[in-house]
PDB file of N, CA and C in Angstrom:
ATOM      1  N   MET A   1      13.553 -37.921  37.589  1.00  0.00           N
ATOM      2  CA  MET A   1      14.713 -37.524  36.774  1.00  0.00           C
ATOM      3  C   MET A   1      14.020 -36.959  35.331  1.00  0.00           C
ATOM      4  N   GLU A   2      12.948 -37.631  34.826  1.00  0.00           N
ATOM      5  CA  GLU A   2      12.285 -37.300  33.726  1.00  0.00           C
ATOM      6  C   GLU A   2      11.517 -35.822  33.371  1.00  0.00           C
ATOM      7  N   HIS A   3      11.032 -35.607  34.510  1.00  0.00           N
ATOM      8  CA  HIS A   3      10.774 -34.137  34.768  1.00  0.00           C
ATOM      9  C   HIS A   3      11.644 -33.291  34.706  1.00  0.00           C
ATOM     10  N   GLU A   4      12.748 -33.601  35.505  1.00  0.00           N
ATOM     11  CA  GLU A   4      13.916 -32.422  35.329  1.00  0.00           C
ATOM     12  C   GLU A   4      14.403 -32.104  33.944  1.00  0.00           C
ATOM     13  N   ASP A   5      14.560 -33.124  33.205  1.00  0.00           N
ATOM     14  CA  ASP A   5      14.790 -33.310  32.035  1.00  0.00           C
ATOM     15  C   ASP A   5      13.904 -32.192  31.213  1.00  0.00           C
ATOM     16  N   ARG A   6      12.972 -32.365  31.444  1.00  0.00           N
ATOM     17  CA  ARG A   6      11.665 -31.687  30.541  1.00  0.00           C
ATOM     18  C   ARG A   6      11.844 -30.435  31.254  1.00  0.00           C
ATOM     19  N   PHE A   7      11.863 -30.228  32.331  1.00  0.00           N
ATOM     20  CA  PHE A   7      12.236 -28.686  32.595  1.00  0.00           C
ATOM     21  C   PHE A   7      13.319 -27.708  32.134  1.00  0.00           C
ATOM     22  N   VAL A   8      14.165 -28.677  32.199  1.00  0.00           N
ATOM     23  CA  VAL A   8      15.545 -28.025  31.618  1.00  0.00           C
ATOM     24  C   VAL A   8      15.180 -27.823  30.280  1.00  0.00           C
ATOM     25  N   ASP A   9      14.607 -28.545  29.318  1.00  0.00           N
ATOM     26  CA  ASP A   9      14.409 -28.395  27.968  1.00  0.00           C
ATOM     27  C   ASP A   9      13.451 -27.127  27.676  1.00  0.00           C
ATOM     28  N   ILE A  10      12.616 -27.413  28.697  1.00  0.00           N
ATOM     29  CA  ILE A  10      11.551 -25.832  28.506  1.00  0.00           C
ATOM     30  C   ILE A  10      12.384 -24.590  28.882  1.00  0.00           C
ATOM     31  N   GLU A  11      13.094 -24.653  30.014  1.00  0.00           N
ATOM     32  CA  GLU A  11      14.127 -23.613  30.466  1.00  0.00           C
ATOM     33  C   GLU A  11      15.057 -23.142  29.112  1.00  0.00           C
ATOM     34  N   ILE A  12      15.554 -24.003  28.620  1.00  0.00           N
ATOM     35  CA  ILE A  12      16.349 -23.825  27.212  1.00  0.00           C
ATOM     36  C   ILE A  12      15.563 -23.168  25.922  1.00  0.00           C
ATOM     37  N   LYS A  13      14.448 -23.836  25.754  1.00  0.00           N
ATOM     38  CA  LYS A  13      13.489 -23.283  24.809  1.00  0.00           C
ATOM     39  C   LYS A  13      13.283 -21.694  25.077  1.00  0.00           C
ATOM     40  N   LEU A  14      12.750 -21.662  26.467  1.00  0.00           N
ATOM     41  CA  LEU A  14      12.326 -20.232  26.820  1.00  0.00           C
ATOM     42  C   LEU A  14      13.624 -19.101  26.643  1.00  0.00           C
ATOM     43  N   GLY A  15      14.878 -19.635  27.063  1.00  0.00           N
ATOM     44  CA  GLY A  15      15.648 -18.810  26.802  1.00  0.00           C
ATOM     45  C   GLY A  15      15.936 -18.138  25.384  1.00  0.00           C
ATOM     46  N   HIS A  16      15.933 -19.383  24.553  1.00  0.00           N
ATOM     47  CA  HIS A  16      15.915 -19.119  23.225  1.00  0.00           C
ATOM     48  C   HIS A  16      14.855 -18.125  22.563  1.00  0.00           C
ATOM     49  N   MET A  17      13.590 -18.501  23.108  1.00  0.00           N
ATOM     50  CA  MET A  17      12.796 -17.607  22.548  1.00  0.00           C
ATOM     51  C   MET A  17      12.640 -16.054  23.275  1.00  0.00           C
ATOM     52  N   GLU A  18      13.188 -16.052  24.214  1.00  0.00           N
ATOM     53  CA  GLU A  18      13.379 -14.646  24.868  1.00  0.00           C
ATOM     54  C   GLU A  18      14.476 -13.670  23.802  1.00  0.00           C
ATOM     55  N   ASP A  19      15.622 -14.644  23.577  1.00  0.00           N
ATOM     56  CA  ASP A  19      16.616 -14.031  22.864  1.00  0.00           C
ATOM     57  C   ASP A  19      15.786 -13.448  21.418  1.00  0.00           C
ATOM     58  N   LEU A  20      14.902 -14.584  20.753  1.00  0.00           N
ATOM     59  CA  LEU A  20      14.571 -14.120  19.565  1.00  0.00           C
ATOM     60  C   LEU A  20      13.385 -12.895  19.757  1.00  0.00           C
ATOM     61  N   VAL A  21      12.637 -12.793  20.579  1.00  0.00           N
ATOM     62  CA  VAL A  21      11.726 -11.569  20.897  1.00  0.00           C
ATOM     63  C   VAL A  21      12.837 -10.495  20.990  1.00  0.00           C
ATOM     64  N   ASP A  22      13.763 -10.681  21.440  1.00  0.00           N
ATOM     65  CA  ASP A  22      14.725  -9.356  21.783  1.00  0.00           C
ATOM     66  C   ASP A  22      15.240  -8.942  20.502  1.00  0.00           C
ATOM     67  N   SER A  23      15.642  -9.929  19.661  1.00  0.00           N
ATOM     68  CA  SER A  23      16.114  -9.652  18.361  1.00  0.00           C
ATOM     69  C   SER A  23      14.879  -9.173  17.487  1.00  0.00           C
ATOM     70  N   LEU A  24      13.959  -9.670  17.630  1.00  0.00           N
ATOM     71  CA  LEU A  24      12.945  -9.196  16.515  1.00  0.00           C
ATOM     72  C   LEU A  24      12.380  -7.808  17.117  1.00  0.00           C
ATOM     73  N   ASN A  25      12.376  -7.373  18.196  1.00  0.00           N
ATOM     74  CA  ASN A  25      12.222  -6.094  18.982  1.00  0.00           C
ATOM     75  C   ASN A  25      13.154  -5.054  18.317  1.00  0.00           C
ATOM     76  N   THR A  26      14.186  -5.353  18.234  1.00  0.00           N
ATOM     77  CA  THR A  26      15.346  -4.550  17.588  1.00  0.00           C
ATOM     78  C   THR A  26      15.169  -4.218  16.154  1.00  0.00           C
ATOM     79  N   THR A  27      14.806  -5.197  15.611  1.00  0.00           N
ATOM     80  CA  THR A  27      14.512  -5.052  13.974  1.00  0.00           C
ATOM     81  C   THR A  27      13.317  -4.304  14.023  1.00  0.00           C
ATOM     82  N   VAL A  28      12.264  -4.586  14.503  1.00  0.00           N
ATOM     83  CA  VAL A  28      11.095  -3.796  14.239  1.00  0.00           C
ATOM     84  C   VAL A  28      11.320  -2.306  14.729  1.00  0.00           C
ATOM     85  N   TYR A  29      12.157  -2.320  15.516  1.00  0.00           N
ATOM     86  CA  TYR A  29      12.480  -0.813  15.948  1.00  0.00           C
ATOM     87  C   TYR A  29      13.464  -0.071  15.145  1.00  0.00           C
ATOM     88  N   GLN A  30      14.411  -0.582  14.520  1.00  0.00           N
ATOM     89  CA  GLN A  30      15.138  -0.157  13.466  1.00  0.00           C
ATOM     90  C   GLN A  30      14.299   0.234  12.117  1.00  0.00           C
ATOM     91  N   GLN A  31      13.520  -0.840  11.671  1.00  0.00           N
ATOM     92  CA  GLN A  31      12.833  -0.596  10.859  1.00  0.00           C
ATOM     93  C   GLN A  31      11.744   0.408  10.550  1.00  0.00           C
ATOM     94  N   ALA A  32      11.263   0.683  11.957  1.00  0.00           N
ATOM     95  CA  ALA A  32      10.395   1.852  12.178  1.00  0.00           C
ATOM     96  C   ALA A  32      11.249   3.178  12.243  1.00  0.00           C
ATOM     97  N   ARG A  33      12.634   3.180  12.556  1.00  0.00           N
ATOM     98  CA  ARG A  33      13.196   4.060  12.301  1.00  0.00           C
ATOM     99  C   ARG A  33      13.543   4.625  10.952  1.00  0.00           C
ATOM    100  N   ARG A  34      13.888   3.625  10.204  1.00  0.00           N
ATOM    101  CA  ARG A  34      14.181   3.625   8.930  1.00  0.00           C
ATOM    102  C   ARG A  34      12.740   4.235   8.066  1.00  0.00           C
ATOM    103  N   ILE A  35      11.531   3.828   8.474  1.00  0.00           N
ATOM    104  CA  ILE A  35      10.369   4.101   7.785  1.00  0.00           C
ATOM    105  C   ILE A  35       9.951   5.610   8.078  1.00  0.00           C
ATOM    106  N   ASP A  36      10.448   6.000   9.302  1.00  0.00           N
ATOM    107  CA  ASP A  36      10.231   7.499   9.443  1.00  0.00           C
ATOM    108  C   ASP A  36      11.302   8.354   8.894  1.00  0.00           C
ATOM    109  N   GLN A  37      12.396   7.703   8.710  1.00  0.00           N
ATOM    110  CA  GLN A  37      13.317   8.536   7.629  1.00  0.00           C
ATOM    111  C   GLN A  37      12.971   8.444   6.369  1.00  0.00           C
ATOM    112  N   LEU A  38      12.444   7.612   5.911  1.00  0.00           N
ATOM    113  CA  LEU A  38      11.759   7.608   4.467  1.00  0.00           C
ATOM    114  C   LEU A  38      10.677   8.210   4.264  1.00  0.00           C
ATOM    115  N   GLU A  39       9.897   8.231   5.227  1.00  0.00           N
ATOM    116  CA  GLU A  39       8.544   9.487   4.845  1.00  0.00           C
ATOM    117  C   GLU A  39       8.953  10.696   5.048  1.00  0.00           C
ATOM    118  N   ALA A  40      10.135  10.987   5.718  1.00  0.00           N
ATOM    119  CA  ALA A  40      10.383  12.442   5.937  1.00  0.00           C
ATOM    120  C   ALA A  40      11.021  12.792   4.603  1.00  0.00           C
ATOM    121  N   MET A  41      12.019  11.908   4.174  1.00  0.00           N
ATOM    122  CA  MET A  41      12.515  12.177   2.697  1.00  0.00           C
ATOM    123  C   MET A  41      11.267  12.190   1.614  1.00  0.00           C
ATOM    124  N   VAL A  42      10.445  11.719   1.770  1.00  0.00           N
ATOM    125  CA  VAL A  42       9.203  11.662   0.706  1.00  0.00           C
ATOM    126  C   VAL A  42       8.664  12.994   0.595  1.00  0.00           C
ATOM    127  N   ASN A  43       8.350  13.506   1.977  1.00  0.00           N
ATOM    128  CA  ASN A  43       7.712  14.550   2.127  1.00  0.00           C
ATOM    129  C   ASN A  43       8.517  16.094   1.615  1.00  0.00           C
ATOM    130  N   LYS A  44       9.858  16.180   1.988  1.00  0.00           N
ATOM    131  CA  LYS A  44      10.625  16.724   1.390  1.00  0.00           C
ATOM    132  C   LYS A  44      10.386  16.721  -0.080  1.00  0.00           C
ATOM    133  N   LEU A  45      10.713  15.339  -0.709  1.00  0.00           N
ATOM    134  CA  LEU A  45      10.402  15.489  -2.223  1.00  0.00           C
ATOM    135  C   LEU A  45       9.459  16.069  -2.539  1.00  0.00           C
ATOM    136  N   GLY A  46       8.311  15.664  -1.851  1.00  0.00           N
ATOM    137  CA  GLY A  46       6.949  16.366  -2.398  1.00  0.00           C
ATOM    138  C   GLY A  46       7.166  17.796  -2.350  1.00  0.00           C
ATOM    139  N   GLU A  47       7.346  18.448  -1.234  1.00  0.00           N
ATOM    140  CA  GLU A  47       7.720  19.789  -0.854  1.00  0.00           C
ATOM    141  C   GLU A  47       8.494  20.317  -2.299  1.00  0.00           C
ATOM    142  N   HIS A  48       9.604  19.682  -2.491  1.00  0.00           N
ATOM    143  CA  HIS A  48      10.523  20.108  -3.769  1.00  0.00           C
ATOM    144  C   HIS A  48       9.933  19.937  -4.964  1.00  0.00           C
ATOM    145  N   LEU A  49       9.036  19.098  -5.303  1.00  0.00           N
ATOM    146  CA  LEU A  49       8.293  18.844  -6.529  1.00  0.00           C
ATOM    147  C   LEU A  49       7.351  20.085  -6.509  1.00  0.00           C
ATOM    148  N   ARG A  50       6.652  20.432  -5.469  1.00  0.00           N
ATOM    149  CA  ARG A  50       5.656  21.689  -5.398  1.00  0.00           C
ATOM    150  C   ARG A  50       6.342  22.905  -5.661  1.00  0.00           C
ATOM    151  N   THR A  51       7.504  22.815  -5.199  1.00  0.00           N
ATOM    152  CA  THR A  51       7.990  24.283  -5.472  1.00  0.00           C
ATOM    153  C   THR A  51       8.573  24.452  -7.030  1.00  0.00           C
ATOM    154  N   LEU A  52       9.091  23.291  -7.792  1.00  0.00           N
ATOM    155  CA  LEU A  52       9.224  23.165  -8.803  1.00  0.00           C
ATOM    156  C   LEU A  52       8.357  23.396  -9.815  1.00  0.00           C
ATOM    157  N   ARG A  53       7.095  22.798  -9.555  1.00  0.00           N
ATOM    158  CA  ARG A  53       5.920  22.983 -10.293  1.00  0.00           C
ATOM    159  C   ARG A  53       5.567  24.551 -10.237  1.00  0.00           C
ATOM    160  N   GLU A  54       5.438  25.011  -9.073  1.00  0.00           N
ATOM    161  CA  GLU A  54       5.237  26.659  -8.750  1.00  0.00           C
ATOM    162  C   GLU A  54       5.974  27.418  -9.702  1.00  0.00           C
ATOM    163  N   ALA A  55       7.444  27.011  -9.676  1.00  0.00           N
ATOM    164  CA  ALA A  55       8.199  27.836 -10.471  1.00  0.00           C
ATOM    165  C   ALA A  55       7.935  27.943 -11.849  1.00  0.00           C
ATOM    166  N   GLY A  56       7.645  26.592 -12.232  1.00  0.00           N
ATOM    167  CA  GLY A  56       7.619  26.101 -13.433  1.00  0.00           C
ATOM    168  C   GLY A  56       6.295  27.157 -14.231  1.00  0.00           C
ATOM    169  N   GLN A  57       5.107  27.102 -13.378  1.00  0.00           N
ATOM    170  CA  GLN A  57       4.043  28.109 -13.910  1.00  0.00           C
ATOM    171  C   GLN A  57       4.406  29.486 -14.167  1.00  0.00           C
ATOM    172  N   GLN A  58       5.527  30.010 -13.374  1.00  0.00           N
ATOM    173  CA  GLN A  58       5.814  31.090 -13.617  1.00  0.00           C
ATOM    174  C   GLN A  58       6.819  31.730 -14.726  1.00  0.00           C
ATOM    175  N   ASN A  59       7.445  30.380 -15.040  1.00  0.00           N
ATOM    176  CA  ASN A  59       8.491  30.470 -16.072  1.00  0.00           C
ATOM    177  C   ASN A  59       8.440  29.614 -17.167  1.00  0.00           C
ATOM    178  N   PRO A  60       7.772  29.166 -17.917  1.00  0.00           N
ATOM    179  CA  PRO A  60       7.507  28.007 -18.752  1.00  0.00           C
ATOM    180  C   PRO A  60       8.583  27.346 -19.332  1.00  0.00           C
ATOM    181  N   PRO A  61       9.037  26.084 -19.336  1.00  0.00           N
ATOM    182  CA  PRO A  61      10.238  25.544 -19.599  1.00  0.00           C
ATOM    183  C   PRO A  61      10.431  25.460 -21.238  1.00  0.00           C
ATOM    184  N   ASN A  62       9.812  25.819 -21.714  1.00  0.00           N
ATOM    185  CA  ASN A  62       9.848  25.762 -23.148  1.00  0.00           C
ATOM    186  C   ASN A  62      10.182  27.380 -23.564  1.00  0.00           C
ATOM    187  N   GLU A  63       9.979  28.270 -22.883  1.00  0.00           N
ATOM    188  CA  GLU A  63      10.006  29.624 -23.304  1.00  0.00           C
ATOM    189  C   GLU A  63      11.521  30.031 -23.623  1.00  0.00           C
ATOM    190  N   ARG A  64      11.744  30.585 -24.699  1.00  0.00           N
ATOM    191  CA  ARG A  64      13.138  30.851 -25.145  1.00  0.00           C
ATOM    192  C   ARG A  64      13.600  32.059 -24.437  1.00  0.00           C
ATOM    193  N   PRO A  65      14.782  32.080 -23.750  1.00  0.00           N
ATOM    194  CA  PRO A  65      15.353  33.184 -23.039  1.00  0.00           C
ATOM    195  C   PRO A  65      15.338  34.793 -23.834  1.00  0.00           C
ATOM    196  N   PRO A  66      15.151  35.600 -23.411  1.00  0.00           N
ATOM    197  CA  PRO A  66      15.085  36.962 -24.263  1.00  0.00           C
ATOM    198  C   PRO A  66      16.457  37.304 -25.283  1.00  0.00           C
ATOM    199  N   HIS A  67      17.328  36.453 -24.880  1.00  0.00           N
ATOM    200  CA  HIS A  67      18.572  36.925 -25.683  1.00  0.00           C
ATOM    201  C   HIS A  67      18.784  36.180 -27.284  1.00  0.00           C
ATOM    202  N   TYR A  68      17.581  35.387 -27.266  1.00  0.00           N
ATOM    203  CA  TYR A  68      17.585  34.506 -28.754  1.00  0.00           C
ATOM    204  C   TYR A  68      17.071  35.237 -29.625  1.00  0.00           C
TER     205      TYR A  68
END
């Protein structure tokens, strides 16, 4: 009987561990997707900053418009 109880306890623990692994896998997958989204956003912001910088070199920001 003692061995049966030990096996039941091990099976219960194994079931909990499988659930935990599944939960962790889901979390890691969601975090990887979010990281991909954030990297794409950072790349777009970098491109936007480069565009602004290039536009700023053509028209200096402190230059008065011609109608002044």
